[in-house]
Protein backbone atom coordinates (compact mmCIF):
# COMPACT_ATOMS: atom_id res chain seq x y z
CA MET A 1 16.99 10.70 61.42
CA GLY A 2 18.53 9.61 64.70
CA SER A 3 15.57 7.62 65.99
CA GLY A 4 12.02 7.00 64.93
CA ARG A 5 8.97 5.10 66.12
CA LEU A 6 7.52 2.86 63.45
CA LEU A 7 3.98 2.43 62.16
CA ARG A 8 4.71 -0.44 59.80
CA ILE A 9 7.37 -3.09 59.20
CA LYS A 10 7.33 -5.41 56.19
CA HIS A 11 9.48 -8.41 55.36
CA ASP A 12 9.04 -10.30 52.07
CA HIS A 13 5.89 -8.30 51.28
CA HIS A 14 4.04 -9.22 54.47
CA ASP A 15 3.50 -7.08 57.56
CA ILE A 16 5.21 -7.91 60.82
CA GLY A 17 2.79 -7.30 63.69
CA PHE A 18 4.08 -5.52 66.80
CA LEU A 19 3.03 -3.46 69.82
CA SER A 20 5.85 -0.95 69.48
CA ALA A 21 8.97 -0.63 67.36
CA ARG A 22 11.78 1.86 67.12
CA VAL A 23 14.60 2.23 64.60
CA VAL A 24 17.77 3.97 65.80
CA GLU A 25 20.62 5.24 63.61
CA GLU A 26 24.04 5.85 65.16
CA LYS A 27 24.94 9.48 64.58
CA GLY A 28 28.15 9.90 62.63
CA TYR A 29 27.96 6.41 61.10
CA GLU A 30 26.16 5.93 57.78
CA THR A 31 25.68 2.18 58.16
CA ALA A 32 25.11 1.73 61.91
CA TRP A 33 21.46 1.22 62.85
CA CYS A 34 19.32 -1.14 64.87
CA LEU A 35 15.66 -2.01 65.20
CA ARG A 36 13.91 -2.95 68.45
CA VAL A 37 10.51 -4.62 68.09
CA GLU A 38 8.28 -5.31 71.10
CA SER A 39 5.86 -8.24 71.04
CA PRO A 40 6.06 -9.30 67.39
CA ALA A 41 3.11 -11.38 66.18
CA ASP A 42 5.25 -14.31 65.06
CA VAL A 43 8.67 -14.84 66.63
CA ASP A 44 9.29 -18.16 64.82
CA GLU A 45 10.42 -16.33 61.67
CA PHE A 46 12.86 -14.24 63.73
CA ARG A 47 14.16 -17.36 65.52
CA ALA A 48 14.73 -19.09 62.16
CA HIS A 49 16.77 -16.13 60.86
CA LEU A 50 18.75 -16.04 64.15
CA ALA A 51 19.52 -19.78 63.99
CA GLN A 52 20.50 -19.65 60.30
CA GLY A 53 22.43 -16.39 60.60
CA SER A 54 20.53 -15.13 57.56
CA SER A 55 19.54 -11.53 57.00
CA MET A 56 16.13 -9.96 56.50
CA VAL A 57 15.28 -7.19 54.03
CA LEU A 58 12.89 -4.80 55.79
CA THR A 59 10.71 -1.93 54.65
CA MET A 60 9.59 0.44 57.40
CA VAL A 61 7.36 3.50 57.76
CA THR A 62 7.94 5.92 60.65
CA ARG A 63 5.22 7.88 62.46
CA GLU A 64 6.54 10.98 60.67
CA GLY A 65 5.85 9.32 57.30
CA ASP A 66 9.47 8.50 56.36
CA GLN A 67 9.81 5.30 54.33
CA LEU A 68 12.98 3.34 55.09
CA ARG A 69 14.53 0.21 53.64
CA GLY A 70 17.42 -1.83 54.99
CA GLU A 71 18.90 -5.25 55.55
CA ALA A 72 19.37 -6.56 59.08
CA CYS A 73 20.32 -9.67 61.03
CA VAL A 74 18.44 -10.81 64.12
CA ALA A 75 20.68 -10.07 67.10
CA SER A 76 18.40 -11.49 69.81
CA VAL A 77 14.93 -12.81 70.58
CA SER A 78 14.02 -12.52 74.26
CA ASP A 79 10.66 -13.91 75.15
CA CYS A 80 9.36 -14.95 78.53
CA ILE A 81 5.97 -15.70 79.97
CA ASP A 82 5.75 -12.65 82.25
CA ALA A 83 7.03 -9.96 79.87
CA ALA A 84 6.71 -8.80 76.28
CA THR A 85 8.79 -10.47 73.61
CA ILE A 86 11.61 -8.21 72.39
CA VAL A 87 13.35 -8.78 69.06
CA THR A 88 16.52 -6.79 68.34
CA LEU A 89 17.85 -6.53 64.80
CA THR A 90 21.19 -5.06 63.76
CA GLY A 91 21.49 -3.31 60.43
CA ILE A 92 23.81 -4.50 57.67
CA GLY A 93 24.80 -1.62 55.47
CA PRO A 94 22.97 1.69 55.13
CA LEU A 95 19.37 2.44 56.03
CA ARG A 96 17.94 3.98 52.87
CA SER A 97 15.03 6.39 52.44
CA SER A 98 12.48 5.29 49.85
């Protein structure tokens, strides 16, 4: 999979709400992937992980039905009043199929 739109994202057994999300794997690199989430329901959790530098273990389901699991760090949280909040996560290690 090079890129896939997501239906569901879970962290610590609870769903992360979003308007749209896409996971992208770098072709030719087994461990290079990133996740872009638009308008997450609760950005405080993402901000806490960004401030602490701690990683998040995520379980994801693509629109095609693929189940993925990986660990990622929050790279950025960009929220402003006039636009959607965008959270970018960078994968640590491989993105595994469940």
